[in-house]
Amino acid sequence: MSDHSEDISRELMVDGNAVAGLLQDVFGLEMTASPAECANCGQVNELGALLAFIQAPGAVLRCPACEEVILRIVETPDAIYVDARGAAHIRLERRPIR
């Protein structure tokens, strides 16, 4: 028996930049530089710096400090579900009107 104590989910983890296209599809903006505050520990990170798990039927973004879920996005044939209850806030920059 192996004494391998690593969390298997760490092997499946990528950074939040891996979901850049999905975030842009959902929010209509480039989001990887948008800061989000973790509702659990208060740390602020850009979405691209969050821990991303994309092997499920959707994407889960976790805080790199406390590993709590900040954002979940699931696409179905009929809808896109966004659960951001793990974020105290996500800051979206306004684009200047030209």
N, C-alpha and C. Protein backbone atom coordinates (compact mmCIF):
# COMPACT_ATOMS: atom_id res chain seq x y z
N MET A 1 0.84 -1.19 0.00
CA MET A 1 0.00 0.00 0.00
C MET A 1 0.88 1.24 0.00
N SER A 2 0.55 2.19 -0.81
CA SER A 2 1.33 3.41 -0.96
C SER A 2 1.05 4.39 0.18
N ASP A 3 2.06 5.11 0.58
CA ASP A 3 1.90 6.15 1.61
C ASP A 3 1.75 7.50 0.93
N HIS A 4 1.01 7.53 -0.17
CA HIS A 4 0.83 8.73 -0.97
C HIS A 4 -0.35 9.51 -0.43
N SER A 5 -0.09 10.64 0.24
CA SER A 5 -1.17 11.38 0.91
C SER A 5 -1.65 12.60 0.14
N GLU A 6 -1.21 12.78 -1.12
CA GLU A 6 -1.67 13.94 -1.89
C GLU A 6 -3.16 13.86 -2.15
N ASP A 7 -3.78 15.00 -2.16
CA ASP A 7 -5.20 15.10 -2.51
C ASP A 7 -5.34 14.88 -4.01
N ILE A 8 -6.15 13.90 -4.41
CA ILE A 8 -6.30 13.57 -5.83
C ILE A 8 -6.80 14.77 -6.62
N SER A 9 -7.61 15.62 -6.02
CA SER A 9 -8.13 16.77 -6.76
C SER A 9 -7.03 17.75 -7.14
N ARG A 10 -5.94 17.80 -6.41
CA ARG A 10 -4.82 18.68 -6.77
C ARG A 10 -4.22 18.26 -8.11
N GLU A 11 -4.27 16.98 -8.41
CA GLU A 11 -3.76 16.50 -9.68
C GLU A 11 -4.64 16.96 -10.84
N LEU A 12 -5.90 17.25 -10.58
CA LEU A 12 -6.85 17.67 -11.60
C LEU A 12 -6.95 19.20 -11.71
N MET A 13 -6.24 19.91 -10.86
CA MET A 13 -6.36 21.35 -10.77
C MET A 13 -5.54 22.06 -11.84
N VAL A 14 -6.13 23.15 -12.36
CA VAL A 14 -5.44 24.09 -13.24
C VAL A 14 -5.70 25.48 -12.67
N ASP A 15 -5.13 26.51 -13.26
CA ASP A 15 -5.45 27.84 -12.74
C ASP A 15 -6.67 28.40 -13.46
N GLY A 16 -7.21 29.49 -12.94
CA GLY A 16 -8.42 30.08 -13.46
C GLY A 16 -8.32 30.55 -14.90
N ASN A 17 -7.12 30.73 -15.41
CA ASN A 17 -6.96 31.12 -16.81
C ASN A 17 -7.50 30.05 -17.75
N ALA A 18 -7.59 28.82 -17.28
CA ALA A 18 -8.09 27.72 -18.11
C ALA A 18 -9.58 27.88 -18.44
N VAL A 19 -10.28 28.70 -17.68
CA VAL A 19 -11.71 28.91 -17.94
C VAL A 19 -11.98 30.32 -18.50
N ALA A 20 -10.95 30.95 -19.05
CA ALA A 20 -11.09 32.30 -19.61
C ALA A 20 -12.20 32.37 -20.65
N GLY A 21 -12.24 31.41 -21.56
CA GLY A 21 -13.25 31.41 -22.61
C GLY A 21 -14.65 31.24 -22.05
N LEU A 22 -14.80 30.34 -21.10
CA LEU A 22 -16.10 30.13 -20.46
C LEU A 22 -16.56 31.40 -19.74
N LEU A 23 -15.66 32.04 -19.00
CA LEU A 23 -16.01 33.28 -18.30
C LEU A 23 -16.43 34.36 -19.29
N GLN A 24 -15.73 34.46 -20.41
CA GLN A 24 -16.09 35.46 -21.41
C GLN A 24 -17.44 35.14 -22.04
N ASP A 25 -17.72 33.86 -22.28
CA ASP A 25 -19.03 33.47 -22.82
C ASP A 25 -20.16 33.84 -21.87
N VAL A 26 -19.94 33.62 -20.58
CA VAL A 26 -20.99 33.86 -19.58
C VAL A 26 -21.16 35.35 -19.29
N PHE A 27 -20.06 36.06 -19.08
CA PHE A 27 -20.14 37.46 -18.64
C PHE A 27 -19.97 38.47 -19.77
N GLY A 28 -19.50 38.03 -20.94
CA GLY A 28 -19.31 38.94 -22.06
C GLY A 28 -18.10 39.84 -21.91
N LEU A 29 -17.22 39.49 -21.00
CA LEU A 29 -16.01 40.28 -20.73
C LEU A 29 -14.82 39.36 -20.55
N GLU A 30 -13.63 39.90 -20.76
CA GLU A 30 -12.42 39.16 -20.38
C GLU A 30 -12.35 39.28 -18.86
N MET A 31 -12.40 38.16 -18.16
CA MET A 31 -12.58 38.17 -16.71
C MET A 31 -11.37 37.73 -15.89
N THR A 32 -10.33 37.22 -16.51
CA THR A 32 -9.25 36.63 -15.72
C THR A 32 -8.54 37.64 -14.81
N ALA A 33 -8.56 38.92 -15.16
CA ALA A 33 -7.94 39.95 -14.32
C ALA A 33 -8.92 40.57 -13.33
N SER A 34 -10.17 40.14 -13.36
CA SER A 34 -11.18 40.69 -12.44
C SER A 34 -10.96 40.14 -11.04
N PRO A 35 -10.86 41.02 -10.04
CA PRO A 35 -10.66 40.54 -8.67
C PRO A 35 -11.95 40.02 -8.05
N ALA A 36 -11.79 38.97 -7.24
CA ALA A 36 -12.91 38.41 -6.48
C ALA A 36 -12.45 38.23 -5.04
N GLU A 37 -13.32 38.60 -4.11
CA GLU A 37 -13.02 38.44 -2.69
C GLU A 37 -13.69 37.17 -2.19
N CYS A 38 -12.92 36.31 -1.56
CA CYS A 38 -13.46 35.07 -0.98
C CYS A 38 -14.35 35.42 0.21
N ALA A 39 -15.58 34.92 0.19
CA ALA A 39 -16.51 35.18 1.29
C ALA A 39 -16.11 34.45 2.56
N ASN A 40 -15.27 33.43 2.43
CA ASN A 40 -14.85 32.66 3.60
C ASN A 40 -13.68 33.31 4.34
N CYS A 41 -12.59 33.62 3.60
CA CYS A 41 -11.39 34.11 4.28
C CYS A 41 -11.06 35.57 3.99
N GLY A 42 -11.74 36.18 3.01
CA GLY A 42 -11.53 37.59 2.70
C GLY A 42 -10.38 37.88 1.76
N GLN A 43 -9.64 36.86 1.33
CA GLN A 43 -8.54 37.11 0.40
C GLN A 43 -9.08 37.53 -0.95
N VAL A 44 -8.41 38.48 -1.58
CA VAL A 44 -8.80 38.95 -2.91
C VAL A 44 -7.79 38.43 -3.92
N ASN A 45 -8.29 37.79 -4.96
CA ASN A 45 -7.46 37.26 -6.04
C ASN A 45 -8.12 37.54 -7.36
N GLU A 46 -7.31 37.67 -8.42
CA GLU A 46 -7.87 37.74 -9.75
C GLU A 46 -8.47 36.37 -10.08
N LEU A 47 -9.53 36.34 -10.89
CA LEU A 47 -10.16 35.07 -11.23
C LEU A 47 -9.16 34.12 -11.89
N GLY A 48 -8.23 34.65 -12.65
CA GLY A 48 -7.22 33.81 -13.29
C GLY A 48 -6.28 33.14 -12.32
N ALA A 49 -6.20 33.63 -11.09
CA ALA A 49 -5.32 33.05 -10.07
C ALA A 49 -6.03 32.04 -9.18
N LEU A 50 -7.33 31.89 -9.36
CA LEU A 50 -8.07 30.92 -8.54
C LEU A 50 -7.73 29.50 -8.97
N LEU A 51 -7.99 28.55 -8.09
CA LEU A 51 -7.78 27.14 -8.39
C LEU A 51 -8.98 26.66 -9.19
N ALA A 52 -8.77 26.12 -10.35
CA ALA A 52 -9.87 25.72 -11.23
C ALA A 52 -9.90 24.21 -11.38
N PHE A 53 -11.10 23.67 -11.30
CA PHE A 53 -11.34 22.25 -11.52
C PHE A 53 -12.37 22.16 -12.63
N ILE A 54 -11.97 21.57 -13.75
CA ILE A 54 -12.82 21.60 -14.95
C ILE A 54 -13.16 20.20 -15.46
N GLN A 55 -12.87 19.16 -14.70
CA GLN A 55 -13.14 17.80 -15.14
C GLN A 55 -14.57 17.35 -14.85
N ALA A 56 -15.33 18.16 -14.18
CA ALA A 56 -16.73 17.82 -13.86
C ALA A 56 -17.63 18.37 -14.97
N PRO A 57 -18.93 18.18 -14.83
CA PRO A 57 -19.82 18.79 -15.83
C PRO A 57 -19.99 20.28 -15.55
N GLY A 58 -18.90 20.98 -15.55
CA GLY A 58 -18.89 22.41 -15.28
C GLY A 58 -17.52 22.81 -14.77
N ALA A 59 -17.42 24.02 -14.27
CA ALA A 59 -16.16 24.53 -13.74
C ALA A 59 -16.37 24.97 -12.30
N VAL A 60 -15.39 24.67 -11.47
CA VAL A 60 -15.41 25.09 -10.07
C VAL A 60 -14.13 25.88 -9.82
N LEU A 61 -14.28 27.11 -9.32
CA LEU A 61 -13.13 27.96 -8.99
C LEU A 61 -13.06 28.09 -7.48
N ARG A 62 -11.89 27.79 -6.93
CA ARG A 62 -11.68 27.82 -5.47
C ARG A 62 -10.64 28.86 -5.08
N CYS A 63 -10.74 29.33 -3.87
CA CYS A 63 -9.78 30.28 -3.30
C CYS A 63 -8.44 29.57 -3.11
N PRO A 64 -7.33 30.17 -3.56
CA PRO A 64 -6.04 29.53 -3.36
C PRO A 64 -5.56 29.56 -1.90
N ALA A 65 -6.16 30.42 -1.09
CA ALA A 65 -5.74 30.52 0.32
C ALA A 65 -6.45 29.49 1.19
N CYS A 66 -7.78 29.42 1.11
CA CYS A 66 -8.53 28.54 2.01
C CYS A 66 -9.20 27.36 1.28
N GLU A 67 -9.16 27.38 -0.04
CA GLU A 67 -9.70 26.34 -0.91
C GLU A 67 -11.23 26.23 -0.90
N GLU A 68 -11.92 27.23 -0.38
CA GLU A 68 -13.38 27.23 -0.45
C GLU A 68 -13.82 27.57 -1.86
N VAL A 69 -14.99 27.06 -2.24
CA VAL A 69 -15.53 27.33 -3.57
C VAL A 69 -15.97 28.78 -3.65
N ILE A 70 -15.51 29.49 -4.68
CA ILE A 70 -15.91 30.87 -4.92
C ILE A 70 -16.96 30.94 -6.03
N LEU A 71 -16.76 30.16 -7.09
CA LEU A 71 -17.63 30.28 -8.26
C LEU A 71 -17.82 28.90 -8.90
N ARG A 72 -19.06 28.59 -9.25
CA ARG A 72 -19.38 27.39 -10.01
C ARG A 72 -20.12 27.80 -11.28
N ILE A 73 -19.79 27.19 -12.40
CA ILE A 73 -20.49 27.45 -13.66
C ILE A 73 -20.78 26.10 -14.31
N VAL A 74 -22.05 25.86 -14.60
CA VAL A 74 -22.47 24.62 -15.26
C VAL A 74 -23.31 24.99 -16.47
N GLU A 75 -22.97 24.41 -17.60
CA GLU A 75 -23.73 24.62 -18.83
C GLU A 75 -24.58 23.39 -19.11
N THR A 76 -25.84 23.61 -19.44
CA THR A 76 -26.73 22.55 -19.88
C THR A 76 -27.21 22.92 -21.28
N PRO A 77 -27.91 22.04 -21.96
CA PRO A 77 -28.41 22.40 -23.28
C PRO A 77 -29.36 23.60 -23.26
N ASP A 78 -30.02 23.83 -22.14
CA ASP A 78 -31.02 24.89 -22.06
C ASP A 78 -30.58 26.15 -21.32
N ALA A 79 -29.51 26.07 -20.53
CA ALA A 79 -29.18 27.21 -19.68
C ALA A 79 -27.73 27.13 -19.20
N ILE A 80 -27.28 28.23 -18.63
CA ILE A 80 -26.00 28.30 -17.94
C ILE A 80 -26.31 28.67 -16.49
N TYR A 81 -25.82 27.88 -15.55
CA TYR A 81 -26.04 28.14 -14.13
C TYR A 81 -24.76 28.69 -13.53
N VAL A 82 -24.87 29.81 -12.83
CA VAL A 82 -23.74 30.44 -12.17
C VAL A 82 -24.05 30.55 -10.69
N ASP A 83 -23.17 29.99 -9.87
CA ASP A 83 -23.31 30.06 -8.42
C ASP A 83 -22.07 30.78 -7.90
N ALA A 84 -22.25 32.01 -7.44
CA ALA A 84 -21.13 32.82 -6.94
C ALA A 84 -21.27 33.11 -5.46
N ARG A 85 -21.99 32.26 -4.73
CA ARG A 85 -22.20 32.56 -3.31
C ARG A 85 -20.93 32.50 -2.48
N GLY A 86 -19.86 31.93 -3.03
CA GLY A 86 -18.58 31.90 -2.32
C GLY A 86 -17.77 33.17 -2.49
N ALA A 87 -18.28 34.10 -3.27
CA ALA A 87 -17.59 35.38 -3.49
C ALA A 87 -18.29 36.47 -2.71
N ALA A 88 -17.54 37.20 -1.91
CA ALA A 88 -18.11 38.38 -1.26
C ALA A 88 -18.41 39.42 -2.33
N HIS A 89 -17.55 39.48 -3.35
CA HIS A 89 -17.80 40.31 -4.52
C HIS A 89 -16.86 39.89 -5.65
N ILE A 90 -17.27 40.19 -6.86
CA ILE A 90 -16.44 40.07 -8.06
C ILE A 90 -16.52 41.44 -8.73
N ARG A 91 -15.37 42.03 -8.98
CA ARG A 91 -15.34 43.38 -9.55
C ARG A 91 -15.23 43.32 -11.06
N LEU A 92 -16.19 43.93 -11.75
CA LEU A 92 -16.20 43.99 -13.21
C LEU A 92 -15.90 45.43 -13.62
N GLU A 93 -14.85 45.60 -14.40
CA GLU A 93 -14.48 46.93 -14.88
C GLU A 93 -15.48 47.41 -15.93
N ARG A 94 -15.83 48.66 -15.86
CA ARG A 94 -16.65 49.27 -16.91
C ARG A 94 -15.74 49.64 -18.07
N ARG A 95 -16.22 49.40 -19.27
CA ARG A 95 -15.48 49.81 -20.46
C ARG A 95 -15.92 51.21 -20.82
N PRO A 96 -14.98 52.05 -21.21
CA PRO A 96 -15.36 53.40 -21.64
C PRO A 96 -16.22 53.33 -22.91
N ILE A 97 -17.23 54.15 -22.97
CA ILE A 97 -18.09 54.21 -24.15
C ILE A 97 -17.37 55.03 -25.20
N ARG A 98 -17.28 54.49 -26.40
CA ARG A 98 -16.55 55.19 -27.48
C ARG A 98 -17.51 55.79 -28.44
